Amino acid sequence: MIVPPSLTGLRAGLLVALALGFTGAPSHAADVAKGRAIAAVKCQMCHGLDGQAKLPQAPNLAGQVQQYLLEQMQAFRSGARKNDMMSLVVPSLSDGDMADLAAYYAAIEVTIGKVPGQ
């Protein structure tokens, strides 16, 4: 089968987009500093500015995978995931805010030490 050159280029472009994780969503260059500023106002009460949860029912966010954090915020916003506190916070976040927050919490380095007594 002969493939027209235009289709070959299109296929190559689609493969590159898939390999790079293209989702069809508008791109946003996440800004860690902006994410920290947003976290200081909207997230630190439960998740801590350092990403270490301050409430037992809130998860630690420090060092989580950026894409995972972003997807979870999007799930709360869409209603696919439910939580009373997050339903109050997430609607006020833009797509860019979510990307910045995900980048910030993902950028926090987590170190693991020995368990005392071992």
Protein backbone atom coordinates (compact mmCIF):
# COMPACT_ATOMS: atom_id res chain seq x y z
CA MET A 1 0.00 0.00 0.00
CA ILE A 2 1.33 3.42 -0.91
CA VAL A 3 0.78 6.08 1.74
CA PRO A 4 0.58 9.68 0.50
CA PRO A 5 3.39 11.81 1.99
CA SER A 6 0.87 14.09 3.71
CA LEU A 7 -0.55 11.14 5.66
CA THR A 8 2.90 9.90 6.58
CA GLY A 9 3.71 13.31 8.08
CA LEU A 10 0.39 13.39 9.89
CA ARG A 11 1.00 9.95 11.35
CA ALA A 12 4.48 10.95 12.48
CA GLY A 13 3.07 14.08 14.08
CA LEU A 14 0.42 12.09 15.91
CA LEU A 15 3.01 9.64 17.18
CA VAL A 16 5.17 12.47 18.48
CA ALA A 17 2.16 14.12 20.15
CA LEU A 18 1.19 10.84 21.81
CA ALA A 19 4.76 10.22 22.94
CA LEU A 20 4.88 13.67 24.51
CA GLY A 21 1.59 13.13 26.33
CA PHE A 22 -0.53 15.52 24.26
CA THR A 23 -4.02 15.58 25.71
CA GLY A 24 -5.62 18.18 23.50
CA ALA A 25 -5.80 20.59 26.44
CA PRO A 26 -4.22 24.00 26.10
CA SER A 27 -0.63 23.96 27.24
CA HIS A 28 0.45 25.93 30.25
CA ALA A 29 4.05 26.28 31.29
CA ALA A 30 3.63 25.47 34.96
CA ASP A 31 5.24 27.93 37.35
CA VAL A 32 6.44 26.50 40.65
CA ALA A 33 6.69 29.95 42.30
CA LYS A 34 3.10 30.78 41.32
CA GLY A 35 2.03 27.37 42.61
CA ARG A 36 3.67 28.10 45.97
CA ALA A 37 1.85 31.43 46.19
CA ILE A 38 -1.50 29.75 45.45
CA ALA A 39 -0.77 26.96 47.94
CA ALA A 40 -0.02 29.54 50.64
CA VAL A 41 -3.55 30.93 50.25
CA LYS A 42 -5.69 27.96 49.24
CA CYS A 43 -3.99 24.69 50.23
CA GLN A 44 -1.71 25.02 53.23
CA MET A 45 -4.46 24.77 55.83
CA CYS A 46 -5.08 21.11 54.94
CA HIS A 47 -2.09 19.98 52.86
CA GLY A 48 0.60 22.20 54.38
CA LEU A 49 2.80 24.59 52.46
CA ASP A 50 5.47 21.90 52.65
CA GLY A 51 3.07 19.31 51.24
CA GLN A 52 2.83 17.47 54.56
CA ALA A 53 -0.83 17.15 55.53
CA LYS A 54 -1.99 19.09 58.57
CA LEU A 55 -5.28 17.18 58.88
CA PRO A 56 -5.53 13.41 59.21
CA GLN A 57 -8.03 13.14 56.34
CA ALA A 58 -5.88 15.19 53.92
CA PRO A 59 -3.19 13.45 51.87
CA ASN A 60 0.44 14.49 51.73
CA LEU A 61 1.14 16.14 48.39
CA ALA A 62 4.90 16.69 48.54
CA GLY A 63 6.77 14.76 45.88
CA GLN A 64 3.67 13.35 44.19
CA VAL A 65 3.77 12.99 40.42
CA GLN A 66 2.78 16.29 38.77
CA GLN A 67 0.40 14.73 36.23
CA TYR A 68 -1.33 12.73 38.97
CA LEU A 69 -1.91 15.86 41.08
CA LEU A 70 -3.29 17.72 38.09
CA GLU A 71 -5.61 14.87 37.15
CA GLN A 72 -6.96 14.64 40.71
CA MET A 73 -7.76 18.37 40.82
CA GLN A 74 -9.50 18.05 37.46
CA ALA A 75 -11.48 15.07 38.77
CA PHE A 76 -12.64 17.10 41.78
CA ARG A 77 -13.65 19.96 39.49
CA SER A 78 -15.59 17.68 37.12
CA GLY A 79 -17.30 15.87 39.99
CA ALA A 80 -15.73 12.52 39.07
CA ARG A 81 -14.07 12.62 42.48
CA LYS A 82 -15.84 14.05 45.51
CA ASN A 83 -14.64 15.68 48.72
CA ASP A 84 -16.42 18.39 50.72
CA MET A 85 -13.32 20.56 51.23
CA MET A 86 -12.02 20.17 47.69
CA SER A 87 -15.44 21.04 46.27
CA LEU A 88 -15.04 24.44 47.96
CA VAL A 89 -11.49 25.10 46.77
CA VAL A 90 -11.20 23.66 43.27
CA PRO A 91 -13.92 25.73 41.53
CA SER A 92 -11.89 28.86 42.26
CA LEU A 93 -8.81 27.46 40.48
CA SER A 94 -8.12 28.06 36.80
CA ASP A 95 -6.46 25.41 34.64
CA GLY A 96 -3.24 27.40 35.00
CA ASP A 97 -3.58 27.53 38.79
CA MET A 98 -3.98 23.75 38.87
CA ALA A 99 -0.92 23.26 36.68
CA ASP A 100 1.09 25.62 38.90
CA LEU A 101 -0.04 23.86 42.08
CA ALA A 102 0.75 20.44 40.65
CA ALA A 103 4.21 21.64 39.62
CA TYR A 104 4.86 23.16 43.04
CA TYR A 105 3.87 20.15 45.13
CA ALA A 106 5.63 17.76 42.72
CA ALA A 107 8.83 19.82 43.00
CA ILE A 108 9.07 19.39 46.77
CA GLU A 109 11.84 16.92 47.46
CA VAL A 110 10.92 14.10 49.79
CA THR A 111 13.63 12.23 51.64
CA ILE A 112 13.18 9.01 53.52
CA GLY A 113 15.26 8.17 56.54
CA LYS A 114 15.61 5.10 58.68
CA VAL A 115 12.75 4.12 60.91
CA PRO A 116 13.76 4.71 64.54
CA GLY A 117 14.82 1.50 66.24
CA GLN A 118 15.94 -0.25 63.05
